[in-house]
Amino acid sequence: MNAGRHPRVLVLNWRDLRNPLAGGAEVHVHEVMRRLVAKGWEAVLCCHAVPGLPEREVMDGVEIRRQGGMYTFNFTVWANLRRWIREERADLVIDNSNKLAFLAPWISQVPVVGLVNHLFGKVIWQEADPFGAASVALSEWLVPHAYRDTIVMAVSDSAKSEFEELGMQRVVNVGSGVELDGYRLPEPGERKPYQLLTLGRIKKYKGLEVLLHALKTLSVKFPEVTLVVAGAGDDIARLQGIAQELGVSGRVRFAGKVSGEEKLRLFRESAVFLNSSMKEGYGLTSIEANACGTPVVASNVPGLCDSVRDGETGFLFPFGDAGTLAERVGQILSNPKLAARLQENSVAWAHRNSWDEVALQTEKVLERLLEQNS
């Protein structure tokens, strides 16, 4: 690092926060880096280009550099990383290998720290076409080899354990957080006692069909029960067809992508938040729901088993088990005392998931890496 200036970090991530397909990984990178910038660090995020967005801009002090295509960005990184490091005067690289791995430790001329939300594993074969799935599978097969001796930041204990089992030697759980400004408890009468909510990308690996089957079961005992499916994705038409076949289409509202204000309103007015995914890095939407006092019922899978405290802030159910899902949701809908206890615990748990703490833990990792390479 050059004397007399703050450390400068080059971050590799497929997308930035303004990308229409931005998700939890992009939120994590932005929330952490803007906090580090506020403390004196310098940061430039390299991500793929998006029509209508400039090649360069600054967001909350973080410089954004967009180059390459949505499906070819990893090749763009391999071809340009050394040049980017020189041009941006980077002291180190944060390699956020979300989707295809960038394998930066093999090509970077400055120290690299990894940030991996989760690996797809077998999930990718259900989500992508055979060619795409094979590409991701090959990339993930390379991960433990490329990052074996690299410090890798995980976002949950279950992810840390998974990476260690693959042979990565230096894994650190820096946690994950939620920006809680604007999150609050519902006003009296705002909560709809039989409204269920799921929110996120509408993709096959999210397992949303299990929610529809559970909804059919719940409708027998709770005639007023409804489900809001908020978010965009390529699985909506299939899910609408399943809802029609099950006879619950009149109880389901596909809300599409919602604004931040609408998202908060949905969290506040829903009785239970549902997350049926096959796998997550952590499950930020669980914490967002909790911040509004809404308990969560989620799949007992890596990531979600960390963000949901079973029996305290909601319940976990075996992935794909619509019967158990319906049973757990029914417990909450039919027991006001239980619902009140879960709501109270949810708020307390949400406030323990702070981006300030994640940024602090990330800063410690970066400082240690710089010290080791000074």
Protein backbone atom coordinates (compact mmCIF):
# COMPACT_ATOMS: atom_id res chain seq x y z
CA MET A 1 0.00 0.00 0.00
CA ASN A 2 1.29 3.46 -0.86
CA ALA A 3 2.11 5.56 2.20
CA GLY A 4 0.05 8.65 2.88
CA ARG A 5 -3.30 7.46 1.57
CA HIS A 6 -6.14 5.23 2.72
CA PRO A 7 -6.35 1.64 1.51
CA ARG A 8 -8.10 1.30 -1.85
CA VAL A 9 -10.22 -1.79 -2.43
CA LEU A 10 -11.34 -3.21 -5.77
CA VAL A 11 -14.53 -5.26 -5.39
CA LEU A 12 -15.62 -7.83 -7.96
CA ASN A 13 -19.35 -8.55 -8.06
CA TRP A 14 -21.64 -9.53 -10.91
CA ARG A 15 -24.07 -6.70 -10.24
CA ASP A 16 -24.35 -3.40 -8.44
CA LEU A 17 -27.27 -2.10 -6.41
CA ARG A 18 -28.85 -0.25 -9.35
CA ASN A 19 -28.97 -3.40 -11.48
CA PRO A 20 -32.62 -4.46 -12.01
CA LEU A 21 -31.65 -7.99 -10.89
CA ALA A 22 -29.79 -6.87 -7.77
CA GLY A 23 -30.38 -9.04 -4.71
CA GLY A 24 -28.96 -9.83 -1.31
CA ALA A 25 -25.35 -10.12 -2.49
CA GLU A 26 -25.49 -6.61 -3.95
CA VAL A 27 -27.05 -5.19 -0.79
CA HIS A 28 -24.32 -6.82 1.30
CA VAL A 29 -21.50 -5.37 -0.80
CA HIS A 30 -22.99 -1.89 -0.94
CA GLU A 31 -23.92 -1.60 2.74
CA VAL A 32 -20.48 -2.77 3.88
CA MET A 33 -18.44 -0.75 1.42
CA ARG A 34 -20.30 2.51 1.96
CA ARG A 35 -19.57 2.19 5.67
CA LEU A 36 -15.89 1.52 5.04
CA VAL A 37 -15.73 4.52 2.69
CA ALA A 38 -17.25 6.67 5.44
CA LYS A 39 -14.37 5.55 7.67
CA GLY A 40 -11.73 6.57 5.16
CA TRP A 41 -11.33 3.57 2.87
CA GLU A 42 -11.58 3.96 -0.90
CA ALA A 43 -13.58 1.47 -2.95
CA VAL A 44 -14.37 0.76 -6.59
CA LEU A 45 -16.90 -1.90 -7.53
CA CYS A 46 -16.42 -3.65 -10.87
CA CYS A 47 -19.62 -5.24 -12.23
CA HIS A 48 -21.29 -5.98 -15.56
CA ALA A 49 -22.76 -3.23 -17.72
CA VAL A 50 -26.50 -2.54 -17.82
CA PRO A 51 -28.33 -0.72 -20.64
CA GLY A 52 -29.29 2.75 -19.46
CA LEU A 53 -26.73 2.90 -16.64
CA PRO A 54 -23.45 4.83 -17.03
CA GLU A 55 -20.11 3.10 -17.31
CA ARG A 56 -18.87 5.04 -14.27
CA GLU A 57 -20.69 6.63 -11.35
CA VAL A 58 -20.40 7.08 -7.60
CA MET A 59 -22.98 5.80 -5.09
CA ASP A 60 -22.59 6.66 -1.40
CA GLY A 61 -18.90 7.22 -1.98
CA VAL A 62 -18.39 3.86 -3.71
CA GLU A 63 -17.12 4.16 -7.29
CA ILE A 64 -18.99 1.92 -9.74
CA ARG A 65 -17.29 0.64 -12.89
CA ARG A 66 -19.53 -1.28 -15.29
CA GLN A 67 -18.02 -3.35 -18.08
CA GLY A 68 -18.82 -6.60 -19.84
CA GLY A 69 -22.00 -8.55 -20.40
CA MET A 70 -24.44 -10.17 -18.02
CA TYR A 71 -23.47 -13.69 -19.07
CA THR A 72 -19.79 -13.07 -19.85
CA PHE A 73 -18.65 -10.91 -16.95
CA ASN A 74 -16.41 -13.63 -15.51
CA PHE A 75 -14.45 -13.67 -18.80
CA THR A 76 -14.27 -9.87 -18.64
CA VAL A 77 -12.75 -10.15 -15.18
CA TRP A 78 -10.20 -12.76 -16.24
CA ALA A 79 -9.14 -10.61 -19.20
CA ASN A 80 -9.03 -7.27 -17.37
CA LEU A 81 -8.43 -7.77 -13.65
CA ARG A 82 -4.70 -6.99 -13.70
CA ARG A 83 -5.31 -3.84 -15.73
CA TRP A 84 -8.16 -2.76 -13.46
CA ILE A 85 -5.91 -3.17 -10.43
CA ARG A 86 -3.26 -0.95 -12.02
CA GLU A 87 -5.74 1.68 -13.23
CA GLU A 88 -7.61 1.83 -9.93
CA ARG A 89 -4.41 1.71 -7.83
CA ALA A 90 -5.97 -1.08 -5.78
CA ASP A 91 -4.21 -2.36 -2.66
CA LEU A 92 -6.37 -5.48 -2.44
CA VAL A 93 -9.28 -7.25 -4.12
CA ILE A 94 -12.55 -8.46 -2.61
CA ASP A 95 -13.70 -11.32 -4.81
CA ASN A 96 -17.47 -11.73 -4.33
CA SER A 97 -17.89 -15.00 -6.21
CA ASN A 98 -21.67 -14.99 -6.30
CA LYS A 99 -22.68 -17.30 -9.18
CA LEU A 100 -19.64 -18.12 -11.36
CA ALA A 101 -16.39 -17.83 -9.41
CA PHE A 102 -13.94 -15.15 -10.52
CA LEU A 103 -10.92 -17.19 -9.29
CA ALA A 104 -9.12 -13.92 -8.51
CA PRO A 105 -6.45 -15.54 -6.29
CA TRP A 106 -5.03 -17.19 -9.42
CA ILE A 107 -4.72 -13.97 -11.45
CA SER A 108 -4.45 -11.00 -9.07
CA GLN A 109 -1.11 -9.31 -8.41
CA VAL A 110 -2.37 -7.89 -5.09
CA PRO A 111 -3.81 -9.69 -2.03
CA VAL A 112 -7.31 -11.18 -2.42
CA VAL A 113 -10.02 -11.86 0.14
CA GLY A 114 -13.05 -13.91 -0.89
CA LEU A 115 -16.69 -13.13 -0.09
CA VAL A 116 -19.03 -16.04 -0.80
CA ASN A 117 -22.71 -15.82 0.16
CA HIS A 118 -23.38 -19.41 -0.76
CA LEU A 119 -22.66 -22.07 -3.36
CA PHE A 120 -25.48 -23.46 -5.47
CA GLY A 121 -24.39 -27.09 -5.29
CA LYS A 122 -27.04 -29.46 -6.66
CA VAL A 123 -29.61 -26.65 -6.68
CA ILE A 124 -28.25 -25.26 -9.95
CA TRP A 125 -29.37 -28.35 -11.90
CA GLN A 126 -32.98 -27.50 -11.07
CA GLU A 127 -32.65 -23.84 -11.94
CA ALA A 128 -30.51 -23.51 -15.06
CA ASP A 129 -30.36 -25.14 -18.48
CA PRO A 130 -27.88 -28.04 -18.76
CA PHE A 131 -25.11 -25.89 -20.26
CA GLY A 132 -25.52 -23.14 -17.69
CA ALA A 133 -25.76 -25.64 -14.84
CA ALA A 134 -22.63 -27.43 -16.01
CA SER A 135 -20.74 -24.12 -16.18
CA VAL A 136 -21.71 -23.22 -12.62
CA ALA A 137 -20.94 -26.75 -11.38
CA LEU A 138 -17.47 -26.61 -12.94
CA SER A 139 -16.87 -23.18 -11.47
CA GLU A 140 -17.89 -24.33 -8.00
CA TRP A 141 -15.69 -27.41 -8.34
CA LEU A 142 -12.75 -25.03 -8.81
CA VAL A 143 -13.66 -22.89 -5.78
CA PRO A 144 -12.00 -24.98 -3.04
CA HIS A 145 -8.84 -25.20 -5.16
CA ALA A 146 -8.64 -21.49 -6.00
CA TYR A 147 -9.55 -20.23 -2.51
CA ARG A 148 -8.00 -22.97 -0.36
CA ASP A 149 -5.37 -20.65 1.15
CA THR A 150 -7.31 -17.39 0.72
CA ILE A 151 -9.22 -15.72 3.54
CA VAL A 152 -12.86 -16.28 2.65
CA MET A 153 -15.64 -14.30 4.30
CA ALA A 154 -18.88 -16.26 4.83
CA VAL A 155 -22.18 -14.68 5.88
CA SER A 156 -23.50 -17.42 8.17
CA ASP A 157 -22.31 -20.31 10.32
CA SER A 158 -23.85 -22.90 8.01
CA ALA A 159 -22.07 -21.39 4.99
CA LYS A 160 -18.78 -21.33 6.94
CA SER A 161 -19.17 -25.02 7.77
CA GLU A 162 -19.95 -25.86 4.14
CA PHE A 163 -16.84 -24.07 2.87
CA GLU A 164 -14.63 -25.72 5.48
CA GLU A 165 -15.97 -29.13 4.53
CA LEU A 166 -14.91 -28.38 0.94
CA GLY A 167 -11.34 -27.83 2.12
CA MET A 168 -11.08 -24.04 2.41
CA GLN A 169 -8.63 -23.37 5.23
CA ARG A 170 -9.24 -19.73 6.22
CA VAL A 171 -13.00 -19.10 6.46
CA VAL A 172 -14.35 -16.29 8.65
CA ASN A 173 -18.04 -15.64 9.36
CA VAL A 174 -18.48 -11.86 9.14
CA GLY A 175 -22.28 -12.17 9.39
CA SER A 176 -24.99 -10.42 7.46
CA GLY A 177 -27.19 -7.48 8.31
CA VAL A 178 -30.22 -5.38 7.52
CA GLU A 179 -30.56 -1.61 7.19
CA LEU A 180 -33.46 -1.11 9.60
CA ASP A 181 -34.26 2.55 8.91
CA GLY A 182 -37.97 2.70 8.09
CA TYR A 183 -38.76 -0.72 9.53
CA ARG A 184 -41.32 -0.52 12.30
CA LEU A 185 -44.17 -2.40 13.93
CA PRO A 186 -47.61 -2.13 12.31
CA GLU A 187 -50.13 0.38 13.54
CA PRO A 188 -53.22 -0.98 15.36
CA GLY A 189 -55.44 -2.66 12.78
CA GLU A 190 -52.76 -2.62 10.06
CA ARG A 191 -51.90 -6.31 10.44
CA LYS A 192 -54.09 -8.58 8.32
CA PRO A 193 -54.52 -11.70 10.51
CA TYR A 194 -54.71 -14.21 7.64
CA GLN A 195 -52.38 -12.69 5.04
CA LEU A 196 -49.21 -14.65 4.23
CA LEU A 197 -46.30 -13.12 2.32
CA THR A 198 -43.29 -14.27 0.34
CA LEU A 199 -40.93 -11.78 -1.27
CA GLY A 200 -37.89 -12.20 -3.49
CA ARG A 201 -36.87 -13.48 -6.89
CA ILE A 202 -39.42 -15.82 -8.44
CA LYS A 203 -37.11 -18.66 -9.40
CA LYS A 204 -37.52 -22.45 -9.37
CA TYR A 205 -34.95 -22.98 -6.64
CA LYS A 206 -37.05 -20.82 -4.32
CA GLY A 207 -39.48 -23.75 -4.07
CA LEU A 208 -42.55 -21.52 -4.15
CA GLU A 209 -44.90 -24.28 -5.31
CA VAL A 210 -44.80 -25.70 -1.77
CA LEU A 211 -46.43 -22.48 -0.55
CA LEU A 212 -49.35 -23.03 -2.91
CA HIS A 213 -49.88 -26.58 -1.71
CA ALA A 214 -49.71 -25.42 1.92
CA LEU A 215 -52.18 -22.63 1.11
CA LYS A 216 -54.70 -25.18 -0.14
CA THR A 217 -54.38 -27.14 3.11
CA LEU A 218 -54.64 -24.01 5.25
CA SER A 219 -57.75 -22.79 3.42
CA VAL A 220 -59.77 -25.66 4.92
CA LYS A 221 -59.28 -24.43 8.48
CA PHE A 222 -58.75 -20.74 7.69
CA PRO A 223 -61.23 -19.69 4.98
CA GLU A 224 -59.86 -16.12 4.91
CA VAL A 225 -56.22 -17.07 4.32
CA THR A 226 -54.44 -15.41 1.37
CA LEU A 227 -50.92 -15.30 -0.03
CA VAL A 228 -49.05 -12.38 -1.58
CA VAL A 229 -46.14 -13.33 -3.85
CA ALA A 230 -43.99 -10.22 -4.34
CA GLY A 231 -41.06 -10.11 -6.72
CA ALA A 232 -40.09 -10.67 -10.33
CA GLY A 233 -38.66 -13.73 -12.04
CA ASP A 234 -39.10 -16.34 -14.72
CA ASP A 235 -41.15 -18.83 -12.68
CA ILE A 236 -44.35 -16.80 -12.34
CA ALA A 237 -46.29 -18.41 -15.21
CA ARG A 238 -45.59 -21.93 -13.92
CA LEU A 239 -46.68 -20.97 -10.41
CA GLN A 240 -49.85 -19.34 -11.71
CA GLY A 241 -50.66 -22.59 -13.48
CA ILE A 242 -50.12 -24.61 -10.30
CA ALA A 243 -52.34 -22.21 -8.34
CA GLN A 244 -55.06 -22.68 -10.94
CA GLU A 245 -54.77 -26.48 -10.78
CA LEU A 246 -54.96 -26.45 -6.97
CA GLY A 247 -57.97 -24.16 -6.97
CA VAL A 248 -56.25 -21.43 -4.93
CA SER A 249 -55.64 -18.82 -7.63
CA GLY A 250 -58.31 -16.60 -6.05
CA ARG A 251 -56.31 -16.59 -2.82
CA VAL A 252 -52.95 -15.68 -4.41
CA ARG A 253 -51.87 -12.24 -5.56
CA PHE A 254 -48.74 -12.02 -7.70
CA ALA A 255 -47.68 -8.46 -6.89
CA GLY A 256 -44.60 -8.28 -9.15
CA LYS A 257 -41.58 -6.24 -8.16
CA VAL A 258 -42.55 -3.81 -5.41
CA SER A 259 -41.09 -0.50 -4.27
CA GLY A 260 -39.24 -0.16 -0.99
CA GLU A 261 -42.25 1.55 0.57
CA GLU A 262 -44.62 -1.17 -0.65
CA LYS A 263 -42.25 -3.85 0.66
CA LEU A 264 -42.30 -2.36 4.14
CA ARG A 265 -46.10 -2.13 4.05
CA LEU A 266 -46.40 -5.78 3.06
CA PHE A 267 -44.06 -6.85 5.87
CA ARG A 268 -46.12 -4.89 8.42
CA GLU A 269 -49.55 -6.04 7.31
CA SER A 270 -48.77 -9.76 6.87
CA ALA A 271 -49.29 -12.27 9.66
CA VAL A 272 -46.49 -14.62 8.59
CA PHE A 273 -43.59 -14.32 6.18
CA LEU A 274 -42.67 -17.47 4.22
CA ASN A 275 -39.36 -18.51 2.70
CA SER A 276 -39.38 -21.87 0.93
CA SER A 277 -36.00 -21.69 -0.82
CA MET A 278 -33.72 -24.68 -1.34
CA LYS A 279 -30.70 -22.68 -0.21
CA GLU A 280 -29.73 -19.14 0.77
CA GLY A 281 -26.60 -17.35 1.91
CA TYR A 282 -28.46 -16.07 4.95
CA GLY A 283 -32.00 -14.92 4.19
CA LEU A 284 -32.12 -11.14 4.63
CA THR A 285 -35.85 -11.00 3.96
CA SER A 286 -36.37 -13.08 7.10
CA ILE A 287 -34.66 -10.39 9.16
CA GLU A 288 -36.54 -7.61 7.36
CA ALA A 289 -39.84 -9.30 8.19
CA ASN A 290 -38.74 -9.77 11.80
CA ALA A 291 -37.92 -6.06 12.04
CA CYS A 292 -41.61 -5.38 11.41
CA GLY A 293 -42.60 -7.90 14.07
CA THR A 294 -43.58 -10.53 11.50
CA PRO A 295 -42.60 -14.13 12.32
CA VAL A 296 -41.05 -16.31 9.61
CA VAL A 297 -41.66 -19.89 8.57
CA ALA A 298 -38.81 -21.08 6.36
CA SER A 299 -37.12 -24.14 4.91
CA ASN A 300 -34.60 -25.78 7.21
CA VAL A 301 -31.73 -25.33 4.77
CA PRO A 302 -28.29 -23.66 4.88
CA GLY A 303 -28.60 -19.92 5.40
CA LEU A 304 -32.24 -19.89 6.45
CA CYS A 305 -31.48 -22.08 9.45
CA ASP A 306 -29.21 -19.21 10.60
CA SER A 307 -31.59 -16.31 9.98
CA VAL A 308 -34.66 -18.01 11.54
CA ARG A 309 -34.47 -19.03 15.19
CA ASP A 310 -36.72 -22.08 15.30
CA GLY A 311 -39.44 -21.69 17.92
CA GLU A 312 -38.30 -18.15 18.81
CA THR A 313 -38.74 -15.93 15.75
CA GLY A 314 -40.74 -18.41 13.70
CA PHE A 315 -40.38 -22.02 12.60
CA LEU A 316 -38.29 -24.14 10.26
CA PHE A 317 -39.77 -26.94 8.16
CA PRO A 318 -38.17 -29.64 5.98
CA PHE A 319 -37.65 -28.31 2.46
CA GLY A 320 -40.59 -29.15 0.22
CA ASP A 321 -42.79 -30.46 3.05
CA ALA A 322 -46.08 -28.64 2.42
CA GLY A 323 -47.83 -30.50 5.24
CA THR A 324 -45.39 -29.39 7.93
CA LEU A 325 -45.32 -25.88 6.49
CA ALA A 326 -49.11 -25.66 6.74
CA GLU A 327 -49.00 -27.04 10.28
CA ARG A 328 -46.44 -24.45 11.44
CA VAL A 329 -48.28 -21.55 9.83
CA GLY A 330 -51.56 -22.82 11.30
CA GLN A 331 -50.03 -22.78 14.79
CA ILE A 332 -49.29 -19.07 14.44
CA LEU A 333 -52.63 -18.13 12.87
CA SER A 334 -54.64 -19.98 15.52
CA ASN A 335 -52.69 -19.02 18.64
CA PRO A 336 -52.57 -15.27 19.41
CA LYS A 337 -50.32 -15.79 22.45
CA LEU A 338 -47.79 -17.71 20.37
CA ALA A 339 -47.97 -15.11 17.59
CA ALA A 340 -47.36 -12.30 20.10
CA ARG A 341 -44.33 -14.07 21.57
CA LEU A 342 -42.83 -14.71 18.14
CA GLN A 343 -43.46 -11.10 17.13
CA GLU A 344 -41.67 -9.76 20.22
CA ASN A 345 -38.71 -12.10 19.77
CA SER A 346 -38.53 -11.25 16.07
CA VAL A 347 -37.96 -7.54 16.66
CA ALA A 348 -35.21 -8.18 19.21
CA TRP A 349 -33.46 -10.64 16.87
CA ALA A 350 -33.67 -8.29 13.88
CA HIS A 351 -31.84 -5.55 15.73
CA ARG A 352 -28.95 -7.91 16.43
CA ASN A 353 -28.29 -8.14 12.68
CA SER A 354 -26.50 -4.85 12.08
CA TRP A 355 -24.63 -3.78 8.94
CA ASP A 356 -22.38 -1.72 11.20
CA GLU A 357 -21.21 -4.93 12.87
CA VAL A 358 -20.74 -6.70 9.52
CA ALA A 359 -18.69 -3.75 8.24
CA LEU A 360 -16.57 -3.81 11.40
CA GLN A 361 -15.85 -7.53 11.04
CA THR A 362 -15.07 -7.05 7.34
CA GLU A 363 -12.68 -4.21 8.14
CA LYS A 364 -10.83 -6.42 10.61
CA VAL A 365 -10.36 -9.07 7.90
CA LEU A 366 -9.07 -6.51 5.38
CA GLU A 367 -6.70 -4.92 7.89
CA ARG A 368 -5.31 -8.32 8.84
CA LEU A 369 -4.74 -9.18 5.19
CA LEU A 370 -2.92 -5.89 4.56
CA GLU A 371 -0.76 -6.38 7.64
CA GLN A 372 0.21 -9.87 6.54
CA ASN A 373 1.25 -8.55 3.14
CA SER A 374 2.95 -5.30 4.20
